PDB file of all heavy atoms in Angstrom:
ATOM      1  N   GLU A   1      10.102 -23.324 -50.293  1.00  0.00           N
ATOM      2  CA  GLU A   1      10.562 -21.998 -49.949  1.00  0.00           C
ATOM      3  C   GLU A   1      11.577 -21.487 -50.956  1.00  0.00           C
ATOM      4  O   GLU A   1      12.285 -22.252 -51.618  1.00  0.00           O
ATOM      5  CB  GLU A   1      11.171 -21.977 -48.543  1.00  0.00           C
ATOM      6  CG  GLU A   1      12.442 -22.794 -48.407  1.00  0.00           C
ATOM      7  CD  GLU A   1      13.078 -22.671 -47.036  1.00  0.00           C
ATOM      8  OE1 GLU A   1      12.567 -21.905 -46.199  1.00  0.00           O
ATOM      9  OE2 GLU A   1      14.104 -23.351 -46.795  1.00  0.00           O
ATOM     10  N   PHE A   2      11.659 -20.189 -51.031  1.00  0.00           N
ATOM     11  CA  PHE A   2      12.591 -19.521 -51.914  1.00  0.00           C
ATOM     12  C   PHE A   2      14.010 -19.644 -51.391  1.00  0.00           C
ATOM     13  O   PHE A   2      14.246 -19.573 -50.180  1.00  0.00           O
ATOM     14  CB  PHE A   2      12.206 -18.049 -52.045  1.00  0.00           C
ATOM     15  CG  PHE A   2      13.252 -17.192 -52.697  1.00  0.00           C
ATOM     16  CD1 PHE A   2      13.482 -17.255 -54.056  1.00  0.00           C
ATOM     17  CD2 PHE A   2      13.999 -16.309 -51.943  1.00  0.00           C
ATOM     18  CE1 PHE A   2      14.439 -16.469 -54.664  1.00  0.00           C
ATOM     19  CE2 PHE A   2      14.953 -15.504 -52.532  1.00  0.00           C
ATOM     20  CZ  PHE A   2      15.173 -15.589 -53.897  1.00  0.00           C
ATOM     21  N   VAL A   3      14.961 -19.813 -52.303  1.00  0.00           N
ATOM     22  CA  VAL A   3      16.360 -19.915 -51.934  1.00  0.00           C
ATOM     23  C   VAL A   3      17.165 -18.751 -52.503  1.00  0.00           C
ATOM     24  O   VAL A   3      17.760 -17.958 -51.763  1.00  0.00           O
ATOM     25  CB  VAL A   3      16.978 -21.246 -52.403  1.00  0.00           C
ATOM     26  CG1 VAL A   3      18.466 -21.297 -52.059  1.00  0.00           C
ATOM     27  CG2 VAL A   3      16.249 -22.424 -51.774  1.00  0.00           C
ATOM     28  N   ILE A   4      17.186 -18.643 -53.830  1.00  0.00           N
ATOM     29  CA  ILE A   4      17.998 -17.632 -54.486  1.00  0.00           C
ATOM     30  C   ILE A   4      17.511 -17.456 -55.917  1.00  0.00           C
ATOM     31  O   ILE A   4      16.956 -18.383 -56.507  1.00  0.00           O
ATOM     32  CB  ILE A   4      19.496 -18.042 -54.462  1.00  0.00           C
ATOM     33  CG1 ILE A   4      20.416 -16.892 -54.841  1.00  0.00           C
ATOM     34  CG2 ILE A   4      19.736 -19.253 -55.352  1.00  0.00           C
ATOM     35  CD1 ILE A   4      21.891 -17.198 -54.594  1.00  0.00           C
ATOM     36  N   ALA A   5      17.691 -16.272 -56.476  1.00  0.00           N
ATOM     37  CA  ALA A   5      17.271 -16.014 -57.846  1.00  0.00           C
ATOM     38  C   ALA A   5      18.172 -14.964 -58.475  1.00  0.00           C
ATOM     39  O   ALA A   5      18.799 -14.159 -57.778  1.00  0.00           O
ATOM     40  CB  ALA A   5      15.816 -15.549 -57.891  1.00  0.00           C
ATOM     41  N   VAL A   6      18.215 -14.963 -59.796  1.00  0.00           N
ATOM     42  CA  VAL A   6      19.019 -14.012 -60.544  1.00  0.00           C
ATOM     43  C   VAL A   6      18.212 -13.495 -61.722  1.00  0.00           C
ATOM     44  O   VAL A   6      17.416 -14.230 -62.320  1.00  0.00           O
ATOM     45  CB  VAL A   6      20.345 -14.663 -61.021  1.00  0.00           C
ATOM     46  CG1 VAL A   6      20.078 -15.786 -62.018  1.00  0.00           C
ATOM     47  CG2 VAL A   6      21.275 -13.611 -61.621  1.00  0.00           C
ATOM     48  N   SER A   7      18.399 -12.220 -62.038  1.00  0.00           N
ATOM     49  CA  SER A   7      17.719 -11.620 -63.175  1.00  0.00           C
ATOM     50  C   SER A   7      18.262 -12.189 -64.480  1.00  0.00           C
ATOM     51  O   SER A   7      19.291 -12.865 -64.509  1.00  0.00           O
ATOM     52  CB  SER A   7      17.882 -10.101 -63.145  1.00  0.00           C
ATOM     53  OG  SER A   7      19.250  -9.735 -63.229  1.00  0.00           O
ATOM     54  N   TRP A   8      17.583 -11.883 -65.551  1.00  0.00           N
ATOM     55  CA  TRP A   8      17.937 -12.456 -66.852  1.00  0.00           C
ATOM     56  C   TRP A   8      19.357 -12.109 -67.272  1.00  0.00           C
ATOM     57  O   TRP A   8      20.026 -12.919 -67.929  1.00  0.00           O
ATOM     58  CB  TRP A   8      16.952 -11.992 -67.927  1.00  0.00           C
ATOM     59  CG  TRP A   8      17.145 -10.558 -68.343  1.00  0.00           C
ATOM     60  CD1 TRP A   8      16.646  -9.444 -67.733  1.00  0.00           C
ATOM     61  CD2 TRP A   8      17.908 -10.099 -69.461  1.00  0.00           C
ATOM     62  NE1 TRP A   8      17.035  -8.318 -68.396  1.00  0.00           N
ATOM     63  CE2 TRP A   8      17.817  -8.690 -69.471  1.00  0.00           C
ATOM     64  CE3 TRP A   8      18.646 -10.734 -70.459  1.00  0.00           C
ATOM     65  CZ2 TRP A   8      18.439  -7.904 -70.432  1.00  0.00           C
ATOM     66  CZ3 TRP A   8      19.272  -9.958 -71.424  1.00  0.00           C
ATOM     67  CH2 TRP A   8      19.162  -8.566 -71.400  1.00  0.00           C
ATOM     68  N   ASN A   9      19.817 -10.920 -66.896  1.00  0.00           N
ATOM     69  CA  ASN A   9      21.141 -10.476 -67.310  1.00  0.00           C
ATOM     70  C   ASN A   9      22.174 -10.566 -66.183  1.00  0.00           C
ATOM     71  O   ASN A   9      23.297 -10.094 -66.342  1.00  0.00           O
ATOM     72  CB  ASN A   9      21.080  -9.050 -67.843  1.00  0.00           C
ATOM     73  CG  ASN A   9      20.633  -8.042 -66.799  1.00  0.00           C
ATOM     74  OD1 ASN A   9      20.234  -8.411 -65.694  1.00  0.00           O
ATOM     75  ND2 ASN A   9      20.706  -6.768 -67.147  1.00  0.00           N
ATOM     76  N   GLY A  10      21.794 -11.147 -65.060  1.00  0.00           N
ATOM     77  CA  GLY A  10      22.713 -11.294 -63.953  1.00  0.00           C
ATOM     78  C   GLY A  10      22.940 -10.043 -63.137  1.00  0.00           C
ATOM     79  O   GLY A  10      23.800 -10.035 -62.249  1.00  0.00           O
ATOM     80  N   GLY A  11      22.186  -8.987 -63.403  1.00  0.00           N
ATOM     81  CA  GLY A  11      22.404  -7.725 -62.728  1.00  0.00           C
ATOM     82  C   GLY A  11      21.821  -7.626 -61.331  1.00  0.00           C
ATOM     83  O   GLY A  11      22.170  -6.710 -60.587  1.00  0.00           O
ATOM     84  N   ARG A  12      20.947  -8.528 -60.973  1.00  0.00           N
ATOM     85  CA  ARG A  12      20.312  -8.488 -59.671  1.00  0.00           C
ATOM     86  C   ARG A  12      20.173  -9.901 -59.129  1.00  0.00           C
ATOM     87  O   ARG A  12      19.782 -10.814 -59.863  1.00  0.00           O
ATOM     88  CB  ARG A  12      18.933  -7.822 -59.752  1.00  0.00           C
ATOM     89  CG  ARG A  12      18.238  -7.668 -58.407  1.00  0.00           C
ATOM     90  CD  ARG A  12      16.813  -7.186 -58.597  1.00  0.00           C
ATOM     91  NE  ARG A  12      16.122  -7.007 -57.337  1.00  0.00           N
ATOM     92  CZ  ARG A  12      15.984  -5.844 -56.704  1.00  0.00           C
ATOM     93  NH1 ARG A  12      16.472  -4.731 -57.249  1.00  0.00           N
ATOM     94  NH2 ARG A  12      15.347  -5.779 -55.552  1.00  0.00           N
ATOM     95  N   THR A  13      20.492 -10.083 -57.866  1.00  0.00           N
ATOM     96  CA  THR A  13      20.371 -11.370 -57.200  1.00  0.00           C
ATOM     97  C   THR A  13      19.631 -11.188 -55.887  1.00  0.00           C
ATOM     98  O   THR A  13      19.932 -10.269 -55.123  1.00  0.00           O
ATOM     99  CB  THR A  13      21.746 -11.995 -56.936  1.00  0.00           C
ATOM    100  OG1 THR A  13      22.458 -12.156 -58.164  1.00  0.00           O
ATOM    101  CG2 THR A  13      21.596 -13.355 -56.276  1.00  0.00           C
ATOM    102  N   ASP A  14      18.664 -12.038 -55.627  1.00  0.00           N
ATOM    103  CA  ASP A  14      17.942 -12.053 -54.365  1.00  0.00           C
ATOM    104  C   ASP A  14      18.269 -13.338 -53.614  1.00  0.00           C
ATOM    105  O   ASP A  14      18.401 -14.401 -54.217  1.00  0.00           O
ATOM    106  CB  ASP A  14      16.431 -11.956 -54.591  1.00  0.00           C
ATOM    107  CG  ASP A  14      15.988 -10.583 -55.047  1.00  0.00           C
ATOM    108  OD1 ASP A  14      16.740  -9.615 -54.834  1.00  0.00           O
ATOM    109  OD2 ASP A  14      14.886 -10.469 -55.618  1.00  0.00           O
ATOM    110  N   TYR A  15      18.390 -13.222 -52.294  1.00  0.00           N
ATOM    111  CA  TYR A  15      18.751 -14.354 -51.458  1.00  0.00           C
ATOM    112  C   TYR A  15      17.753 -14.521 -50.319  1.00  0.00           C
ATOM    113  O   TYR A  15      17.259 -13.533 -49.778  1.00  0.00           O
ATOM    114  CB  TYR A  15      20.127 -14.168 -50.820  1.00  0.00           C
ATOM    115  CG  TYR A  15      21.275 -13.896 -51.738  1.00  0.00           C
ATOM    116  CD1 TYR A  15      21.546 -12.613 -52.193  1.00  0.00           C
ATOM    117  CD2 TYR A  15      22.118 -14.926 -52.128  1.00  0.00           C
ATOM    118  CE1 TYR A  15      22.625 -12.361 -53.020  1.00  0.00           C
ATOM    119  CE2 TYR A  15      23.201 -14.678 -52.952  1.00  0.00           C
ATOM    120  CZ  TYR A  15      23.451 -13.397 -53.396  1.00  0.00           C
ATOM    121  OH  TYR A  15      24.530 -13.162 -54.214  1.00  0.00           O
ATOM    122  N   ALA A  16      17.523 -15.758 -49.938  1.00  0.00           N
ATOM    123  CA  ALA A  16      16.856 -16.013 -48.675  1.00  0.00           C
ATOM    124  C   ALA A  16      17.850 -15.754 -47.550  1.00  0.00           C
ATOM    125  O   ALA A  16      19.056 -15.999 -47.691  1.00  0.00           O
ATOM    126  CB  ALA A  16      16.346 -17.449 -48.614  1.00  0.00           C
ATOM    127  N   HIS A  17      17.359 -15.255 -46.428  1.00  0.00           N
ATOM    128  CA  HIS A  17      18.235 -14.934 -45.309  1.00  0.00           C
ATOM    129  C   HIS A  17      19.043 -16.153 -44.857  1.00  0.00           C
ATOM    130  O   HIS A  17      20.214 -16.028 -44.474  1.00  0.00           O
ATOM    131  CB  HIS A  17      17.422 -14.384 -44.143  1.00  0.00           C
ATOM    132  CG  HIS A  17      18.231 -14.101 -42.920  1.00  0.00           C
ATOM    133  ND1 HIS A  17      19.079 -13.031 -42.833  1.00  0.00           N
ATOM    134  CD2 HIS A  17      18.332 -14.766 -41.739  1.00  0.00           C
ATOM    135  CE1 HIS A  17      19.674 -13.030 -41.655  1.00  0.00           C
ATOM    136  NE2 HIS A  17      19.227 -14.082 -40.971  1.00  0.00           N
ATOM    137  N   SER A  18      18.437 -17.320 -44.914  1.00  0.00           N
ATOM    138  CA  SER A  18      19.071 -18.520 -44.410  1.00  0.00           C
ATOM    139  C   SER A  18      20.283 -18.975 -45.229  1.00  0.00           C
ATOM    140  O   SER A  18      21.105 -19.751 -44.731  1.00  0.00           O
ATOM    141  CB  SER A  18      18.052 -19.669 -44.340  1.00  0.00           C
ATOM    142  OG  SER A  18      17.527 -19.953 -45.621  1.00  0.00           O
ATOM    143  N   VAL A  19      20.402 -18.504 -46.474  1.00  0.00           N
ATOM    144  CA  VAL A  19      21.495 -18.954 -47.330  1.00  0.00           C
ATOM    145  C   VAL A  19      22.434 -17.829 -47.734  1.00  0.00           C
ATOM    146  O   VAL A  19      23.462 -18.097 -48.379  1.00  0.00           O
ATOM    147  CB  VAL A  19      20.970 -19.656 -48.596  1.00  0.00           C
ATOM    148  CG1 VAL A  19      20.033 -20.792 -48.222  1.00  0.00           C
ATOM    149  CG2 VAL A  19      20.270 -18.663 -49.520  1.00  0.00           C
ATOM    150  N   LYS A  20      22.131 -16.616 -47.367  1.00  0.00           N
ATOM    151  CA  LYS A  20      22.954 -15.480 -47.766  1.00  0.00           C
ATOM    152  C   LYS A  20      24.369 -15.638 -47.221  1.00  0.00           C
ATOM    153  O   LYS A  20      24.568 -15.931 -46.047  1.00  0.00           O
ATOM    154  CB  LYS A  20      22.341 -14.182 -47.274  1.00  0.00           C
ATOM    155  CG  LYS A  20      22.929 -12.941 -47.913  1.00  0.00           C
ATOM    156  CD  LYS A  20      22.124 -11.703 -47.561  1.00  0.00           C
ATOM    157  CE  LYS A  20      22.612 -10.482 -48.313  1.00  0.00           C
ATOM    158  NZ  LYS A  20      21.789  -9.282 -48.009  1.00  0.00           N
ATOM    159  N   GLY A  21      25.334 -15.439 -48.103  1.00  0.00           N
ATOM    160  CA  GLY A  21      26.721 -15.606 -47.725  1.00  0.00           C
ATOM    161  C   GLY A  21      27.245 -17.013 -47.911  1.00  0.00           C
ATOM    162  O   GLY A  21      28.465 -17.233 -47.822  1.00  0.00           O
ATOM    163  N   ARG A  22      26.366 -17.962 -48.165  1.00  0.00           N
ATOM    164  CA  ARG A  22      26.777 -19.351 -48.359  1.00  0.00           C
ATOM    165  C   ARG A  22      26.475 -19.866 -49.767  1.00  0.00           C
ATOM    166  O   ARG A  22      27.242 -20.658 -50.311  1.00  0.00           O
ATOM    167  CB  ARG A  22      26.089 -20.272 -47.346  1.00  0.00           C
ATOM    168  CG  ARG A  22      26.425 -19.958 -45.894  1.00  0.00           C
ATOM    169  CD  ARG A  22      25.866 -21.028 -44.957  1.00  0.00           C
ATOM    170  NE  ARG A  22      24.414 -21.102 -45.020  1.00  0.00           N
ATOM    171  CZ  ARG A  22      23.731 -22.197 -45.355  1.00  0.00           C
ATOM    172  NH1 ARG A  22      24.378 -23.314 -45.659  1.00  0.00           N
ATOM    173  NH2 ARG A  22      22.408 -22.171 -45.366  1.00  0.00           N
ATOM    174  N   PHE A  23      25.373 -19.418 -50.340  1.00  0.00           N
ATOM    175  CA  PHE A  23      24.949 -19.902 -51.656  1.00  0.00           C
ATOM    176  C   PHE A  23      25.176 -18.830 -52.714  1.00  0.00           C
ATOM    177  O   PHE A  23      25.015 -17.633 -52.448  1.00  0.00           O
ATOM    178  CB  PHE A  23      23.469 -20.272 -51.648  1.00  0.00           C
ATOM    179  CG  PHE A  23      23.129 -21.514 -50.875  1.00  0.00           C
ATOM    180  CD1 PHE A  23      24.037 -22.109 -50.016  1.00  0.00           C
ATOM    181  CD2 PHE A  23      21.874 -22.086 -51.009  1.00  0.00           C
ATOM    182  CE1 PHE A  23      23.709 -23.248 -49.303  1.00  0.00           C
ATOM    183  CE2 PHE A  23      21.536 -23.230 -50.304  1.00  0.00           C
ATOM    184  CZ  PHE A  23      22.456 -23.810 -49.447  1.00  0.00           C
ATOM    185  N   THR A  24      25.508 -19.266 -53.911  1.00  0.00           N
ATOM    186  CA  THR A  24      25.723 -18.372 -55.037  1.00  0.00           C
ATOM    187  C   THR A  24      25.065 -18.947 -56.282  1.00  0.00           C
ATOM    188  O   THR A  24      25.147 -20.147 -56.522  1.00  0.00           O
ATOM    189  CB  THR A  24      27.225 -18.166 -55.313  1.00  0.00           C
ATOM    190  OG1 THR A  24      27.869 -17.642 -54.142  1.00  0.00           O
ATOM    191  CG2 THR A  24      27.437 -17.184 -56.461  1.00  0.00           C
ATOM    192  N   ILE A  25      24.436 -18.089 -57.051  1.00  0.00           N
ATOM    193  CA  ILE A  25      23.835 -18.515 -58.305  1.00  0.00           C
ATOM    194  C   ILE A  25      24.645 -17.936 -59.459  1.00  0.00           C
ATOM    195  O   ILE A  25      25.110 -16.801 -59.404  1.00  0.00           O
ATOM    196  CB  ILE A  25      22.353 -18.086 -58.394  1.00  0.00           C
ATOM    197  CG1 ILE A  25      21.681 -18.705 -59.618  1.00  0.00           C
ATOM    198  CG2 ILE A  25      22.208 -16.569 -58.398  1.00  0.00           C
ATOM    199  CD1 ILE A  25      20.172 -18.516 -59.636  1.00  0.00           C
ATOM    200  N   SER A  26      24.814 -18.716 -60.501  1.00  0.00           N
ATOM    201  CA  SER A  26      25.546 -18.275 -61.676  1.00  0.00           C
ATOM    202  C   SER A  26      24.972 -18.962 -62.908  1.00  0.00           C
ATOM    203  O   SER A  26      24.200 -19.913 -62.796  1.00  0.00           O
ATOM    204  CB  SER A  26      27.045 -18.577 -61.546  1.00  0.00           C
ATOM    205  OG  SER A  26      27.274 -19.970 -61.451  1.00  0.00           O
ATOM    206  N   ARG A  27      25.367 -18.468 -64.065  1.00  0.00           N
ATOM    207  CA  ARG A  27      24.868 -19.074 -65.291  1.00  0.00           C
ATOM    208  C   ARG A  27      25.945 -19.092 -66.352  1.00  0.00           C
ATOM    209  O   ARG A  27      26.779 -18.193 -66.444  1.00  0.00           O
ATOM    210  CB  ARG A  27      23.610 -18.341 -65.779  1.00  0.00           C
ATOM    211  CG  ARG A  27      23.782 -16.862 -66.093  1.00  0.00           C
ATOM    212  CD  ARG A  27      22.431 -16.143 -66.114  1.00  0.00           C
ATOM    213  NE  ARG A  27      21.446 -16.845 -66.930  1.00  0.00           N
ATOM    214  CZ  ARG A  27      20.138 -16.610 -66.899  1.00  0.00           C
ATOM    215  NH1 ARG A  27      19.647 -15.695 -66.070  1.00  0.00           N
ATOM    216  NH2 ARG A  27      19.321 -17.295 -67.685  1.00  0.00           N
ATOM    217  N   ASP A  28      25.903 -20.137 -67.157  1.00  0.00           N
ATOM    218  CA  ASP A  28      26.799 -20.310 -68.280  1.00  0.00           C
ATOM    219  C   ASP A  28      25.923 -20.373 -69.522  1.00  0.00           C
ATOM    220  O   ASP A  28      25.367 -21.424 -69.848  1.00  0.00           O
ATOM    221  CB  ASP A  28      27.630 -21.579 -68.121  1.00  0.00           C
ATOM    222  CG  ASP A  28      28.681 -21.732 -69.203  1.00  0.00           C
ATOM    223  OD1 ASP A  28      28.547 -21.123 -70.278  1.00  0.00           O
ATOM    224  OD2 ASP A  28      29.661 -22.478 -68.977  1.00  0.00           O
ATOM    225  N   ASN A  29      25.800 -19.257 -70.195  1.00  0.00           N
ATOM    226  CA  ASN A  29      24.903 -19.193 -71.341  1.00  0.00           C
ATOM    227  C   ASN A  29      25.355 -20.088 -72.491  1.00  0.00           C
ATOM    228  O   ASN A  29      24.529 -20.601 -73.243  1.00  0.00           O
ATOM    229  CB  ASN A  29      24.770 -17.753 -71.823  1.00  0.00           C
ATOM    230  CG  ASN A  29      23.992 -16.888 -70.857  1.00  0.00           C
ATOM    231  OD1 ASN A  29      23.155 -17.376 -70.099  1.00  0.00           O
ATOM    232  ND2 ASN A  29      24.255 -15.585 -70.879  1.00  0.00           N
ATOM    233  N   ALA A  30      26.654 -20.279 -72.634  1.00  0.00           N
ATOM    234  CA  ALA A  30      27.163 -21.138 -73.694  1.00  0.00           C
ATOM    235  C   ALA A  30      26.705 -22.580 -73.504  1.00  0.00           C
ATOM    236  O   ALA A  30      26.500 -23.301 -74.486  1.00  0.00           O
ATOM    237  CB  ALA A  30      28.683 -21.064 -73.756  1.00  0.00           C
ATOM    238  N   LYS A  31      26.554 -23.001 -72.252  1.00  0.00           N
ATOM    239  CA  LYS A  31      26.111 -24.358 -71.944  1.00  0.00           C
ATOM    240  C   LYS A  31      24.621 -24.425 -71.636  1.00  0.00           C
ATOM    241  O   LYS A  31      24.095 -25.502 -71.356  1.00  0.00           O
ATOM    242  CB  LYS A  31      26.899 -24.917 -70.767  1.00  0.00           C
ATOM    243  CG  LYS A  31      28.388 -25.037 -71.021  1.00  0.00           C
ATOM    244  CD  LYS A  31      29.122 -25.602 -69.821  1.00  0.00           C
ATOM    245  CE  LYS A  31      28.718 -27.032 -69.542  1.00  0.00           C
ATOM    246  NZ  LYS A  31      29.522 -27.630 -68.442  1.00  0.00           N
ATOM    247  N   ASN A  32      23.950 -23.276 -71.669  1.00  0.00           N
ATOM    248  CA  ASN A  32      22.522 -23.209 -71.379  1.00  0.00           C
ATOM    249  C   ASN A  32      22.214 -23.814 -70.010  1.00  0.00           C
ATOM    250  O   ASN A  32      21.253 -24.574 -69.842  1.00  0.00           O
ATOM    251  CB  ASN A  32      21.712 -23.925 -72.460  1.00  0.00           C
ATOM    252  CG  ASN A  32      20.485 -23.148 -72.889  1.00  0.00           C
ATOM    253  OD1 ASN A  32      20.388 -21.943 -72.693  1.00  0.00           O
ATOM    254  ND2 ASN A  32      19.527 -23.850 -73.491  1.00  0.00           N
ATOM    255  N   THR A  33      23.028 -23.445 -69.035  1.00  0.00           N
ATOM    256  CA  THR A  33      22.948 -24.039 -67.708  1.00  0.00           C
ATOM    257  C   THR A  33      23.067 -22.978 -66.628  1.00  0.00           C
ATOM    258  O   THR A  33      23.845 -22.030 -66.767  1.00  0.00           O
ATOM    259  CB  THR A  33      24.059 -25.085 -67.514  1.00  0.00           C
ATOM    260  OG1 THR A  33      23.926 -26.111 -68.506  1.00  0.00           O
ATOM    261  CG2 THR A  33      23.980 -25.722 -66.139  1.00  0.00           C
ATOM    262  N   VAL A  34      22.294 -23.141 -65.566  1.00  0.00           N
ATOM    263  CA  VAL A  34      22.375 -22.305 -64.375  1.00  0.00           C
ATOM    264  C   VAL A  34      22.853 -23.172 -63.219  1.00  0.00           C
ATOM    265  O   VAL A  34      22.449 -24.328 -63.092  1.00  0.00           O
ATOM    266  CB  VAL A  34      21.016 -21.660 -64.053  1.00  0.00           C
ATOM    267  CG1 VAL A  34      21.059 -20.950 -62.703  1.00  0.00           C
ATOM    268  CG2 VAL A  34      20.634 -20.674 -65.147  1.00  0.00           C
ATOM    269  N   TYR A  35      23.698 -22.602 -62.365  1.00  0.00           N
ATOM    270  CA  TYR A  35      24.286 -23.349 -61.268  1.00  0.00           C
ATOM    271  C   TYR A  35      23.888 -22.753 -59.926  1.00  0.00           C
ATOM    272  O   TYR A  35      23.673 -21.551 -59.790  1.00  0.00           O
ATOM    273  CB  TYR A  35      25.812 -23.348 -61.365  1.00  0.00           C
ATOM    274  CG  TYR A  35      26.344 -23.928 -62.654  1.00  0.00           C
ATOM    275  CD1 TYR A  35      26.722 -23.096 -63.704  1.00  0.00           C
ATOM    276  CD2 TYR A  35      26.469 -25.300 -62.821  1.00  0.00           C
ATOM    277  CE1 TYR A  35      27.214 -23.613 -64.884  1.00  0.00           C
ATOM    278  CE2 TYR A  35      26.961 -25.826 -64.000  1.00  0.00           C
ATOM    279  CZ  TYR A  35      27.330 -24.986 -65.029  1.00  0.00           C
ATOM    280  OH  TYR A  35      27.813 -25.504 -66.208  1.00  0.00           O
ATOM    281  N   LEU A  36      23.816 -23.618 -58.941  1.00  0.00           N
ATOM    282  CA  LEU A  36      23.658 -23.210 -57.555  1.00  0.00           C
ATOM    283  C   LEU A  36      24.851 -23.762 -56.787  1.00  0.00           C
ATOM    284  O   LEU A  36      24.952 -24.974 -56.576  1.00  0.00           O
ATOM    285  CB  LEU A  36      22.348 -23.728 -56.955  1.00  0.00           C
ATOM    286  CG  LEU A  36      22.151 -23.473 -55.460  1.00  0.00           C
ATOM    287  CD1 LEU A  36      22.139 -21.973 -55.170  1.00  0.00           C
ATOM    288  CD2 LEU A  36      20.861 -24.120 -54.965  1.00  0.00           C
TER     289      LEU A  36
END
């Protein structure tokens, strides 16, 4: 099942209802890493 996603530039984030308000997605381009 889907959890969370972010657009290439971070301008849009989609959440599953079950995790909204609890989970956050972010990215560190310098480290080439995405975090949940």
